[in-house]
Amino acid sequence: MVLEQAKAKAIRWLEDNRGLVIVVFCLPASFLFDLFIQFRIWLDRKLSVTTTHQHRVQKIQDQVTEWSKLPASEKKPLCTARPNWLSLSTTFFDKKKCHQVPIDLHDVLSLDEDNLTVTVEPNVTVREICKYLIPKGYTLAVTLEIGDATLGGLAFGVGMTTYSHKVGLYQEAIVSYEVVTADGKVIHVTDSNEHSDLFYCLPWSHGTLGFLVGLTLRIVKVKPYVHMKYIPCHSQEDYCKKIMELSGATDRDTKVADYLEVTIYNKEEAVIMVGNFADVDPRSKAKVNDVCWFYKPWFYKHVETFLKKGGEEYIPLESYLLRHNRAIFWVLESMIPFGNHPVFRAFLGWLCPPKPAFLKFTTTQAVREMTFAKQVFQDIVMPLDTLKEQVDTAVKLFDTYPLLVYPCRIYNHKGGAPQGQLRAPPKSRLVPGTNYSMFNDLGVYGTPGPVERREPYNPTYAMRAMEKFTRDVGGYSFLYADIFMNEEEFNEMFDMTLYNQVRGKYHCDRAFPRLYDKVKPEIDVIAIGETYAMKKDD
């Protein structure tokens, strides 16, 4: 009893002083940790200079071939040797149960300016590709805002950004994949060759269909700045209507902006951000705002100041693309409540954010359970015309702000036939005269209101209710985050028809984990959620 009381007091102290603990211990340790990781990657790249891409891929093929020769009793499912803590997923897949294959592929391979494509190895990060492309006048068609995300991870998972209302999800910007299959062969996968079935299933597959060793992505020509216009909205009806119009969801001929997003600060107030590539003449230099400087306000806090009047400014392109990186959107406020204070930013802002890899590396079982039960981190793709219901449901279940909204095209590529894990949108939702429907990402991040107020909160009920709503409207949960669905509900949300066919065709069934088994949480989220709910009730 005494031990339990002491543990409860310690947890309460950590909750009350989490910002201090993170500043004193986590930020400096995270900084040193990142230096070590960057040095290791730099060293790997220096050593790889003496080898070709083909040679590095051959080493991976050889390891898969050696695995295939093992007796059946010794064969474990294949997975990469990349540590869990280096991924941006909130889950910890147990790789000890798998045969791990190192994928030491970190290089940008080529830039094709005539066809507007770039070819990369899978471990190139978003920050690295930005620094490579932007000085040359290009960027990826879909660029995630978190610099540590890898291009390969996004390819086998999912990515979306504020350009997605023009091109769709990250997978729509992929021209081809280079994949090592379960039998050790290297295949070139496109939407029009003999591997087109695999092409549509690799996104959202999370490494369950093969090893990615190369990737060709579409790029777009850009200008050095993004001209930002901030449009305040003071009713839910207003921002729901405006985003439908501005995204082109109601008329395919609408001239849409290059970048478009909404940040919702409460149910009735939001700021719509409209961005376009721009040059800046000397007369407009005063309107340039590099929002990524460590001493500047966090981006979402900066945007909030436009609720009263609106406004405009110019942001350097790379800073725009990584604008949410410093505060990890707004998750950092839950970690360091005083982190946006001018004094903190001036003296310690350069240490932010704590690296996700470090936070995962130092996560214990107890911390994992506590943070999952007392935080929410979800991205969900749903039809844009249900935005009002999305917001109402998220507020009812989680009561946390801000909420993020990115409009995004979802395509019907195959006339309604199975096209991977995402179903073709129904004809009734297609933008007239097109083969796509306008969906949106709803981002819900932070500490639920009841947890902040120390009121009863059942994460199991809240998440299962949100997932049911998502299935009911024809949406999809991003699979980097914890899911609460059983396998039957998972198969209701996602179309596994073509995926299952592809697993058979490419001999994946005994070689790679199944998708549900790969992405489901490694802890019993339902039981733990119920336990924390009962503790709070007590």
Protein backbone atom coordinates (compact mmCIF):
# COMPACT_ATOMS: atom_id res chain seq x y z
CA MET A 1 0.00 0.00 0.00
CA VAL A 2 2.79 2.45 0.93
CA LEU A 3 4.63 1.62 -2.29
CA GLU A 4 1.50 2.23 -4.37
CA GLN A 5 0.91 5.58 -2.64
CA ALA A 6 4.51 6.63 -3.23
CA LYS A 7 4.23 5.62 -6.90
CA ALA A 8 1.00 7.58 -7.29
CA LYS A 9 2.60 10.67 -5.70
CA ALA A 10 5.64 10.35 -7.97
CA ILE A 11 3.44 10.11 -11.06
CA ARG A 12 1.40 13.12 -9.93
CA TRP A 13 4.60 15.12 -9.35
CA LEU A 14 5.86 14.22 -12.82
CA GLU A 15 2.53 15.25 -14.33
CA ASP A 16 2.57 18.58 -12.47
CA ASN A 17 6.21 19.30 -13.32
CA ARG A 18 6.60 17.60 -16.66
CA GLY A 19 7.83 20.78 -18.34
CA LEU A 20 10.63 21.22 -15.82
CA VAL A 21 11.68 17.57 -16.11
CA ILE A 22 11.81 17.77 -19.90
CA VAL A 23 13.78 21.04 -19.90
CA VAL A 24 16.34 19.95 -17.29
CA PHE A 25 16.86 16.38 -18.46
CA CYS A 26 15.23 15.57 -21.79
CA LEU A 27 16.20 18.55 -23.95
CA PRO A 28 19.97 18.43 -23.26
CA ALA A 29 20.02 14.63 -23.51
CA SER A 30 17.96 14.76 -26.70
CA PHE A 31 20.42 17.26 -28.22
CA LEU A 32 23.43 15.05 -27.46
CA PHE A 33 21.53 11.97 -28.61
CA ASP A 34 20.75 13.63 -31.94
CA LEU A 35 24.40 14.63 -32.41
CA PHE A 36 25.38 11.00 -31.98
CA ILE A 37 22.72 9.79 -34.43
CA GLN A 38 23.72 12.41 -37.02
CA PHE A 39 27.38 11.46 -36.65
CA ARG A 40 26.53 7.80 -37.13
CA ILE A 41 24.53 8.57 -40.28
CA TRP A 42 27.35 10.80 -41.57
CA LEU A 43 29.84 7.99 -40.98
CA ASP A 44 27.60 5.46 -42.74
CA ARG A 45 27.39 7.74 -45.74
CA LYS A 46 31.13 8.32 -45.84
CA LEU A 47 31.69 4.58 -45.82
CA SER A 48 29.01 4.04 -48.48
CA VAL A 49 30.79 6.40 -50.90
CA THR A 50 33.02 3.51 -51.88
CA THR A 51 30.01 1.38 -52.87
CA THR A 52 27.30 1.77 -55.49
CA HIS A 53 23.56 1.64 -54.94
CA GLN A 54 23.47 -1.69 -56.76
CA HIS A 55 26.14 -3.12 -54.46
CA ARG A 56 24.25 -2.01 -51.34
CA VAL A 57 21.03 -3.52 -52.69
CA GLN A 58 22.85 -6.76 -53.52
CA LYS A 59 23.85 -7.10 -49.85
CA ILE A 60 20.17 -6.93 -48.91
CA GLN A 61 19.29 -9.51 -51.57
CA ASP A 62 22.01 -11.82 -50.27
CA GLN A 63 20.62 -11.64 -46.73
CA VAL A 64 17.10 -12.45 -47.94
CA THR A 65 18.48 -15.35 -49.98
CA GLU A 66 20.32 -16.69 -46.94
CA TRP A 67 17.11 -16.42 -44.91
CA SER A 68 15.22 -18.40 -47.55
CA LYS A 69 17.67 -21.32 -47.12
CA LEU A 70 16.98 -21.65 -43.40
CA PRO A 71 14.99 -24.67 -42.21
CA ALA A 72 11.29 -23.90 -41.85
CA SER A 73 11.55 -24.33 -38.08
CA GLU A 74 14.14 -21.54 -37.88
CA LYS A 75 12.49 -19.05 -40.22
CA LYS A 76 11.10 -15.94 -38.62
CA PRO A 77 9.16 -13.26 -40.53
CA LEU A 78 11.36 -10.65 -42.18
CA CYS A 79 11.58 -7.02 -41.12
CA THR A 80 14.13 -4.21 -41.29
CA ALA A 81 16.77 -3.86 -38.58
CA ARG A 82 15.92 -0.18 -38.16
CA PRO A 83 15.31 0.32 -34.41
CA ASN A 84 11.75 1.07 -33.31
CA TRP A 85 12.88 4.27 -31.67
CA LEU A 86 14.02 5.70 -35.01
CA SER A 87 10.51 5.48 -36.47
CA LEU A 88 7.82 8.12 -35.96
CA SER A 89 5.22 5.49 -35.14
CA THR A 90 3.79 5.60 -31.63
CA THR A 91 3.86 1.79 -31.44
CA PHE A 92 6.76 -0.58 -30.65
CA PHE A 93 6.56 -3.57 -33.00
CA ASP A 94 8.46 -6.50 -31.46
CA LYS A 95 11.30 -6.99 -33.93
CA LYS A 96 12.93 -9.63 -31.76
CA LYS A 97 10.37 -12.06 -33.15
CA CYS A 98 11.58 -11.32 -36.70
CA HIS A 99 14.63 -11.95 -38.85
CA GLN A 100 16.07 -8.44 -39.11
CA VAL A 101 17.73 -7.17 -42.29
CA PRO A 102 19.79 -3.94 -42.18
CA ILE A 103 18.72 -1.38 -44.81
CA ASP A 104 21.66 1.04 -44.89
CA LEU A 105 20.40 3.21 -47.74
CA HIS A 106 20.68 6.96 -47.16
CA ASP A 107 21.55 8.61 -50.50
CA VAL A 108 19.88 10.85 -53.05
CA LEU A 109 20.61 8.97 -56.27
CA SER A 110 19.60 11.29 -59.12
CA LEU A 111 17.60 14.35 -60.14
CA ASP A 112 15.78 14.34 -63.49
CA GLU A 113 14.92 17.96 -64.24
CA ASP A 114 13.39 17.14 -67.62
CA ASN A 115 10.81 14.74 -66.17
CA LEU A 116 10.60 16.48 -62.79
CA THR A 117 11.51 13.47 -60.66
CA VAL A 118 14.06 12.67 -57.97
CA THR A 119 15.29 9.15 -57.14
CA VAL A 120 16.32 8.42 -53.57
CA GLU A 121 17.14 5.63 -51.18
CA PRO A 122 14.51 5.04 -48.50
CA ASN A 123 16.31 6.50 -45.45
CA VAL A 124 16.69 10.00 -46.90
CA THR A 125 14.78 12.34 -44.57
CA VAL A 126 12.38 15.16 -45.33
CA ARG A 127 14.87 17.72 -44.00
CA GLU A 128 17.63 16.33 -46.22
CA ILE A 129 15.55 16.30 -49.39
CA CYS A 130 14.42 19.89 -48.71
CA LYS A 131 18.04 21.02 -48.40
CA TYR A 132 18.89 19.16 -51.61
CA LEU A 133 15.96 20.28 -53.78
CA ILE A 134 15.04 23.82 -52.70
CA PRO A 135 18.37 25.49 -53.70
CA LYS A 136 17.84 23.93 -57.13
CA GLY A 137 14.32 25.41 -57.41
CA TYR A 138 12.26 22.31 -56.61
CA THR A 139 10.47 20.53 -53.81
CA LEU A 140 8.61 17.27 -53.45
CA ALA A 141 4.98 17.43 -54.54
CA VAL A 142 4.04 16.18 -51.06
CA THR A 143 6.41 17.20 -48.24
CA LEU A 144 5.64 16.23 -44.66
CA GLU A 145 6.27 18.94 -42.03
CA ILE A 146 8.39 16.79 -39.71
CA GLY A 147 12.04 16.89 -40.78
CA ASP A 148 13.02 13.49 -39.32
CA ALA A 149 10.44 11.53 -41.34
CA THR A 150 12.05 9.31 -43.99
CA LEU A 151 10.87 9.22 -47.58
CA GLY A 152 10.73 5.44 -47.50
CA GLY A 153 8.71 5.41 -44.30
CA LEU A 154 6.19 7.76 -45.86
CA ALA A 155 6.05 5.63 -49.01
CA PHE A 156 5.16 2.42 -47.15
CA GLY A 157 3.02 4.32 -44.64
CA VAL A 158 1.21 7.48 -45.66
CA GLY A 159 1.91 11.17 -45.96
CA MET A 160 -0.20 14.24 -46.54
CA THR A 161 0.48 17.95 -46.62
CA THR A 162 -1.04 21.28 -47.55
CA TYR A 163 -0.34 20.64 -51.25
CA SER A 164 -2.49 17.49 -51.16
CA HIS A 165 -5.66 19.25 -52.33
CA LYS A 166 -3.84 19.53 -55.67
CA VAL A 167 -2.16 16.12 -55.95
CA GLY A 168 -3.50 13.79 -53.25
CA LEU A 169 -1.66 11.67 -50.69
CA TYR A 170 2.11 11.11 -50.76
CA GLN A 171 1.55 7.88 -52.71
CA GLU A 172 0.19 9.90 -55.66
CA ALA A 173 3.60 11.56 -56.03
CA ILE A 174 5.43 8.21 -56.33
CA VAL A 175 6.45 7.27 -59.87
CA SER A 176 8.10 3.95 -59.07
CA TYR A 177 9.39 1.71 -56.29
CA GLU A 178 12.47 -0.51 -56.25
CA VAL A 179 11.65 -3.49 -54.03
CA VAL A 180 13.44 -6.61 -52.82
CA THR A 181 10.83 -9.36 -52.66
CA ALA A 182 10.52 -12.32 -50.32
CA ASP A 183 12.49 -14.53 -52.76
CA GLY A 184 15.41 -12.06 -52.96
CA LYS A 185 14.62 -10.58 -56.37
CA VAL A 186 14.78 -6.86 -57.14
CA ILE A 187 11.76 -5.60 -59.05
CA HIS A 188 10.88 -2.22 -60.51
CA VAL A 189 7.28 -1.41 -59.60
CA THR A 190 5.14 1.11 -61.51
CA ASP A 191 1.43 1.64 -62.06
CA SER A 192 1.64 0.37 -65.64
CA ASN A 193 4.02 -2.62 -65.64
CA GLU A 194 3.47 -6.24 -64.61
CA HIS A 195 3.73 -5.25 -60.95
CA SER A 196 0.94 -2.68 -61.02
CA ASP A 197 -1.07 -4.66 -58.47
CA LEU A 198 1.84 -4.34 -56.02
CA PHE A 199 2.18 -0.63 -56.89
CA TYR A 200 -1.26 0.11 -55.45
CA CYS A 201 -0.74 -1.99 -52.32
CA LEU A 202 2.70 -0.79 -51.20
CA PRO A 203 1.30 2.45 -49.67
CA TRP A 204 -0.21 1.74 -46.24
CA SER A 205 1.55 -1.68 -46.22
CA HIS A 206 4.13 -0.74 -43.53
CA GLY A 207 6.82 -3.11 -44.76
CA THR A 208 4.65 -6.22 -45.01
CA LEU A 209 5.08 -6.80 -48.76
CA GLY A 210 8.82 -6.40 -49.34
CA PHE A 211 11.90 -4.29 -48.63
CA LEU A 212 11.99 -0.83 -50.19
CA VAL A 213 15.44 -0.03 -51.59
CA GLY A 214 14.70 2.82 -54.00
CA LEU A 215 12.03 5.35 -54.79
CA THR A 216 11.33 7.80 -57.61
CA LEU A 217 9.17 10.79 -56.63
CA ARG A 218 7.56 13.65 -58.51
CA ILE A 219 8.86 17.13 -57.79
CA VAL A 220 7.42 20.56 -58.55
CA LYS A 221 9.08 23.80 -59.57
CA VAL A 222 8.98 26.40 -56.84
CA LYS A 223 9.87 29.97 -55.98
CA PRO A 224 11.95 31.04 -52.96
CA TYR A 225 8.99 32.16 -50.82
CA VAL A 226 5.42 31.30 -49.99
CA HIS A 227 3.01 34.20 -49.86
CA MET A 228 0.66 33.49 -46.96
CA LYS A 229 -2.82 34.92 -46.56
CA TYR A 230 -4.53 34.32 -43.21
CA ILE A 231 -8.33 34.28 -43.28
CA PRO A 232 -10.07 34.35 -39.88
CA CYS A 233 -13.39 32.54 -39.51
CA HIS A 234 -15.79 33.06 -36.62
CA SER A 235 -18.35 30.32 -37.16
CA GLN A 236 -18.17 26.63 -37.89
CA GLU A 237 -20.45 27.07 -40.87
CA ASP A 238 -18.10 29.70 -42.30
CA TYR A 239 -14.86 27.70 -42.18
CA CYS A 240 -16.56 24.50 -43.36
CA LYS A 241 -18.05 26.31 -46.37
CA LYS A 242 -14.90 28.26 -47.21
CA ILE A 243 -12.59 25.25 -47.17
CA MET A 244 -14.90 23.36 -49.51
CA GLU A 245 -14.76 26.26 -51.95
CA LEU A 246 -11.04 27.04 -51.64
CA SER A 247 -10.01 23.39 -52.06
CA GLY A 248 -11.95 22.97 -55.30
CA ALA A 249 -14.23 20.37 -53.74
CA THR A 250 -17.32 21.89 -55.33
CA ASP A 251 -15.92 22.89 -58.74
CA ARG A 252 -13.00 21.33 -60.59
CA ASP A 253 -12.34 24.63 -62.40
CA THR A 254 -11.69 26.54 -59.18
CA LYS A 255 -8.26 28.17 -59.23
CA VAL A 256 -6.81 26.71 -56.05
CA ALA A 257 -3.82 27.93 -54.07
CA ASP A 258 -0.56 26.00 -53.91
CA TYR A 259 -0.95 25.40 -50.17
CA LEU A 260 -4.12 25.24 -48.10
CA GLU A 261 -4.83 24.36 -44.47
CA VAL A 262 -7.08 25.20 -41.54
CA THR A 263 -6.22 25.45 -37.86
CA ILE A 264 -9.31 25.28 -35.63
CA TYR A 265 -8.87 26.99 -32.24
CA ASN A 266 -12.34 26.30 -30.90
CA LYS A 267 -15.52 24.96 -32.44
CA GLU A 268 -16.49 28.35 -33.87
CA GLU A 269 -13.09 29.96 -34.58
CA ALA A 270 -10.47 28.99 -37.11
CA VAL A 271 -7.82 30.47 -39.39
CA ILE A 272 -7.64 29.34 -43.01
CA MET A 273 -4.15 29.64 -44.51
CA VAL A 274 -3.80 30.17 -48.26
CA GLY A 275 -0.24 29.96 -49.61
CA ASN A 276 1.23 30.50 -53.07
CA PHE A 277 4.78 30.29 -54.41
CA ALA A 278 6.21 33.78 -54.72
CA ASP A 279 9.23 35.95 -55.35
CA VAL A 280 9.85 38.89 -53.05
CA ASP A 281 10.81 42.29 -54.43
CA PRO A 282 12.74 44.80 -52.29
CA ARG A 283 9.54 46.66 -51.36
CA SER A 284 8.09 43.53 -49.77
CA LYS A 285 11.16 42.48 -47.76
CA ALA A 286 9.61 43.89 -44.60
CA LYS A 287 6.81 41.31 -44.90
CA VAL A 288 9.21 38.34 -44.86
CA ASN A 289 8.91 36.24 -41.71
CA ASP A 290 11.18 33.24 -41.18
CA VAL A 291 8.92 31.37 -38.77
CA CYS A 292 11.49 28.65 -38.03
CA TRP A 293 13.96 30.77 -36.08
CA PHE A 294 14.20 29.33 -32.55
CA TYR A 295 13.24 32.63 -30.91
CA LYS A 296 10.07 33.07 -32.97
CA PRO A 297 6.62 32.10 -31.61
CA TRP A 298 5.50 28.58 -32.40
CA PHE A 299 3.78 28.64 -35.76
CA TYR A 300 0.27 27.77 -34.58
CA LYS A 301 0.53 30.47 -31.90
CA HIS A 302 1.65 32.93 -34.54
CA VAL A 303 -1.32 31.98 -36.73
CA GLU A 304 -3.69 32.45 -33.79
CA THR A 305 -2.85 36.17 -33.73
CA PHE A 306 -4.62 36.50 -37.09
CA LEU A 307 -7.98 35.48 -35.61
CA LYS A 308 -8.83 39.12 -34.92
CA LYS A 309 -8.04 40.70 -38.24
CA GLY A 310 -6.33 38.39 -40.74
CA GLY A 311 -3.25 39.40 -42.66
CA GLU A 312 -0.51 38.32 -45.00
CA GLU A 313 3.25 37.74 -45.08
CA TYR A 314 6.01 35.92 -46.94
CA ILE A 315 7.74 32.84 -45.51
CA PRO A 316 10.93 31.32 -46.99
CA LEU A 317 9.94 28.06 -48.66
CA GLU A 318 12.00 25.67 -46.52
CA SER A 319 10.75 27.36 -43.35
CA TYR A 320 7.18 27.05 -44.58
CA LEU A 321 7.57 23.36 -45.32
CA LEU A 322 8.98 22.71 -41.82
CA ARG A 323 6.84 25.32 -40.03
CA HIS A 324 5.28 22.81 -37.61
CA ASN A 325 8.54 21.01 -36.79
CA ARG A 326 9.64 23.11 -33.78
CA ALA A 327 6.46 22.53 -31.77
CA ILE A 328 5.70 19.11 -33.34
CA PHE A 329 2.51 20.85 -34.52
CA TRP A 330 1.31 21.69 -30.96
CA VAL A 331 2.27 18.55 -29.06
CA LEU A 332 5.21 20.35 -27.42
CA GLU A 333 2.81 22.49 -25.39
CA SER A 334 1.68 19.34 -23.57
CA MET A 335 5.32 18.57 -22.77
CA ILE A 336 6.55 22.09 -21.97
CA PRO A 337 3.56 24.31 -21.10
CA PHE A 338 5.80 27.40 -20.91
CA GLY A 339 7.73 26.53 -24.07
CA ASN A 340 6.30 29.39 -26.13
CA HIS A 341 7.24 32.03 -23.54
CA PRO A 342 9.58 34.61 -25.12
CA VAL A 343 12.25 34.10 -22.43
CA PHE A 344 12.26 30.34 -22.90
CA ARG A 345 12.41 30.66 -26.68
CA ALA A 346 15.27 33.15 -26.47
CA PHE A 347 17.49 31.03 -24.24
CA LEU A 348 16.43 27.41 -24.86
CA GLY A 349 14.30 27.47 -27.99
CA TRP A 350 17.25 26.23 -30.05
CA LEU A 351 17.04 22.90 -28.20
CA CYS A 352 13.48 22.26 -29.36
CA PRO A 353 11.88 20.03 -30.22
CA PRO A 354 13.05 17.01 -28.24
CA LYS A 355 13.82 14.38 -30.85
CA PRO A 356 11.03 11.82 -31.30
CA ALA A 357 13.76 9.16 -31.57
CA PHE A 358 15.10 10.10 -28.14
CA LEU A 359 11.65 10.14 -26.57
CA LYS A 360 10.96 6.66 -27.95
CA PHE A 361 14.43 5.39 -27.00
CA THR A 362 13.86 6.35 -23.36
CA THR A 363 10.23 5.15 -23.18
CA THR A 364 9.60 2.51 -20.53
CA GLN A 365 6.56 0.24 -20.38
CA ALA A 366 5.03 2.38 -17.62
CA VAL A 367 5.63 5.62 -19.53
CA ARG A 368 4.23 4.08 -22.71
CA GLU A 369 1.03 3.06 -20.92
CA MET A 370 0.63 6.37 -19.13
CA THR A 371 1.22 8.57 -22.18
CA PHE A 372 -1.07 6.49 -24.38
CA ALA A 373 -3.85 6.74 -21.78
CA LYS A 374 -3.44 10.46 -21.14
CA GLN A 375 -2.64 11.83 -24.59
CA VAL A 376 -4.13 11.62 -28.04
CA PHE A 377 -2.14 11.64 -31.27
CA GLN A 378 -4.27 10.76 -34.28
CA ASP A 379 -4.46 11.64 -37.97
CA ILE A 380 -7.63 10.52 -39.72
CA VAL A 381 -8.63 10.84 -43.40
CA MET A 382 -12.34 11.53 -43.94
CA PRO A 383 -14.58 13.11 -46.59
CA LEU A 384 -14.31 16.89 -46.45
CA ASP A 385 -18.08 17.34 -46.70
CA THR A 386 -18.33 15.73 -43.23
CA LEU A 387 -15.99 18.28 -41.61
CA LYS A 388 -18.64 19.70 -39.29
CA GLU A 389 -19.46 16.22 -37.97
CA GLN A 390 -15.75 15.41 -37.70
CA VAL A 391 -15.09 18.43 -35.51
CA ASP A 392 -18.20 17.88 -33.40
CA THR A 393 -17.23 14.25 -32.78
CA ALA A 394 -13.57 14.99 -31.99
CA VAL A 395 -14.52 17.78 -29.58
CA LYS A 396 -17.10 15.61 -27.84
CA LEU A 397 -14.66 12.72 -27.40
CA PHE A 398 -11.35 14.51 -26.76
CA ASP A 399 -12.12 18.17 -26.04
CA THR A 400 -8.69 19.34 -27.16
CA TYR A 401 -7.58 22.14 -29.46
CA PRO A 402 -6.23 23.15 -31.89
CA LEU A 403 -7.42 20.76 -34.60
CA LEU A 404 -5.60 20.46 -37.91
CA VAL A 405 -7.36 20.19 -41.28
CA TYR A 406 -5.57 19.50 -44.58
CA PRO A 407 -7.82 18.99 -47.65
CA CYS A 408 -6.68 16.08 -49.81
CA ARG A 409 -7.73 14.33 -53.00
CA ILE A 410 -8.55 10.61 -52.87
CA TYR A 411 -8.65 9.09 -56.35
CA ASN A 412 -10.69 6.42 -58.10
CA HIS A 413 -7.86 4.90 -60.16
CA LYS A 414 -9.46 1.67 -61.33
CA GLY A 415 -13.13 2.39 -61.95
CA GLY A 416 -14.21 1.08 -58.57
CA ALA A 417 -12.14 -2.13 -58.67
CA PRO A 418 -9.85 -2.86 -55.69
CA GLN A 419 -7.00 -0.35 -55.73
CA GLY A 420 -5.06 -1.12 -52.58
CA GLN A 421 -6.02 -0.60 -48.98
CA LEU A 422 -8.02 2.57 -49.70
CA ARG A 423 -11.30 2.07 -51.48
CA ALA A 424 -12.26 4.17 -54.46
CA PRO A 425 -14.47 7.04 -53.26
CA PRO A 426 -18.18 6.61 -54.09
CA LYS A 427 -19.41 8.30 -57.25
CA SER A 428 -21.72 10.50 -55.22
CA ARG A 429 -18.68 12.13 -53.60
CA LEU A 430 -16.56 12.67 -56.72
CA VAL A 431 -15.86 16.26 -57.69
CA PRO A 432 -18.04 16.65 -60.83
CA GLY A 433 -16.11 15.80 -63.97
CA THR A 434 -13.14 14.21 -62.15
CA ASN A 435 -12.00 10.85 -60.80
CA TYR A 436 -11.30 12.14 -57.28
CA SER A 437 -13.14 13.15 -54.15
CA MET A 438 -12.00 15.78 -51.66
CA PHE A 439 -11.16 14.29 -48.29
CA ASN A 440 -9.21 15.85 -45.43
CA ASP A 441 -6.80 14.93 -42.71
CA LEU A 442 -8.16 15.71 -39.26
CA GLY A 443 -5.23 15.97 -36.85
CA VAL A 444 -6.04 15.57 -33.14
CA TYR A 445 -2.93 16.00 -30.98
CA GLY A 446 -2.30 16.75 -27.33
CA THR A 447 -3.83 16.18 -23.92
CA PRO A 448 -7.59 15.55 -23.81
CA GLY A 449 -9.56 18.19 -21.92
CA PRO A 450 -10.80 15.81 -19.20
CA VAL A 451 -7.21 14.76 -18.46
CA GLU A 452 -6.12 18.40 -18.18
CA ARG A 453 -9.00 19.06 -15.78
CA ARG A 454 -8.42 15.74 -13.95
CA GLU A 455 -11.91 14.58 -14.77
CA PRO A 456 -12.95 11.02 -15.70
CA TYR A 457 -11.64 10.04 -19.14
CA ASN A 458 -11.79 6.66 -20.82
CA PRO A 459 -9.31 6.52 -23.75
CA THR A 460 -10.69 3.16 -24.85
CA TYR A 461 -14.22 4.52 -25.24
CA ALA A 462 -13.03 7.75 -26.90
CA MET A 463 -10.78 6.09 -29.47
CA ARG A 464 -13.17 3.27 -30.34
CA ALA A 465 -15.96 5.79 -30.80
CA MET A 466 -13.74 7.91 -33.08
CA GLU A 467 -12.77 4.85 -35.10
CA LYS A 468 -16.42 3.84 -35.50
CA PHE A 469 -17.30 7.33 -36.70
CA THR A 470 -14.39 7.12 -39.16
CA ARG A 471 -15.62 3.79 -40.55
CA ASP A 472 -19.19 5.05 -40.78
CA VAL A 473 -18.23 8.04 -42.97
CA GLY A 474 -15.83 6.00 -45.15
CA GLY A 475 -12.59 7.29 -43.68
CA TYR A 476 -9.25 5.82 -42.63
CA SER A 477 -7.03 6.05 -39.56
CA PHE A 478 -3.33 6.68 -40.14
CA LEU A 479 -1.57 3.52 -38.98
CA TYR A 480 1.49 5.13 -37.36
CA ALA A 481 -0.70 5.81 -34.31
CA ASP A 482 -2.33 3.44 -31.83
CA ILE A 483 -5.42 1.69 -33.16
CA PHE A 484 -8.15 0.20 -31.00
CA MET A 485 -9.89 -1.84 -33.72
CA ASN A 486 -10.02 -5.60 -33.69
CA GLU A 487 -9.07 -7.31 -36.95
CA GLU A 488 -12.66 -7.57 -38.14
CA GLU A 489 -13.18 -3.83 -37.68
CA PHE A 490 -9.79 -3.13 -39.31
CA ASN A 491 -10.84 -5.12 -42.37
CA GLU A 492 -14.08 -3.15 -42.46
CA MET A 493 -12.18 0.16 -42.53
CA PHE A 494 -9.57 -0.95 -45.07
CA ASP A 495 -10.05 -2.93 -48.29
CA MET A 496 -7.77 -5.94 -47.96
CA THR A 497 -8.90 -7.65 -51.19
CA LEU A 498 -5.99 -6.74 -53.47
CA TYR A 499 -3.53 -6.74 -50.56
CA ASN A 500 -4.33 -10.39 -49.81
CA GLN A 501 -3.96 -11.32 -53.48
CA VAL A 502 -0.60 -9.57 -53.67
CA ARG A 503 0.67 -11.34 -50.55
CA GLY A 504 -0.02 -14.66 -52.22
CA LYS A 505 1.45 -13.69 -55.59
CA TYR A 506 4.72 -12.39 -54.10
CA HIS A 507 5.07 -15.17 -51.48
CA CYS A 508 4.70 -12.82 -48.52
CA ASP A 509 2.56 -15.00 -46.27
CA ARG A 510 5.47 -16.82 -44.63
CA ALA A 511 8.00 -14.06 -45.21
CA PHE A 512 6.51 -10.86 -43.76
CA PRO A 513 4.07 -10.08 -40.93
CA ARG A 514 0.49 -9.36 -41.91
CA LEU A 515 -0.54 -5.70 -41.91
CA TYR A 516 -2.84 -5.84 -38.89
CA ASP A 517 -0.25 -7.73 -36.86
CA LYS A 518 2.42 -5.20 -37.85
CA VAL A 519 0.51 -2.05 -36.89
CA LYS A 520 -1.55 -3.12 -33.90
CA PRO A 521 -0.21 -1.78 -30.59
CA GLU A 522 2.23 -3.99 -28.73
CA ILE A 523 0.28 -3.35 -25.52
CA ASP A 524 -3.33 -4.20 -24.73
CA VAL A 525 -4.66 -0.69 -25.31
CA ILE A 526 -8.24 -1.60 -24.51
CA ALA A 527 -7.47 -3.21 -21.15
CA ILE A 528 -5.01 -0.47 -20.18
CA GLY A 529 -7.45 2.25 -21.21
CA GLU A 530 -10.18 0.71 -19.09
CA THR A 531 -7.77 0.40 -16.15
CA TYR A 532 -6.80 4.09 -16.31
CA ALA A 533 -10.47 5.05 -16.65
CA MET A 534 -11.31 3.11 -13.48
CA LYS A 535 -8.36 4.68 -11.63
CA LYS A 536 -9.62 8.12 -12.55
CA ASP A 537 -13.15 7.20 -11.43
CA ASP A 538 -11.78 6.02 -8.09
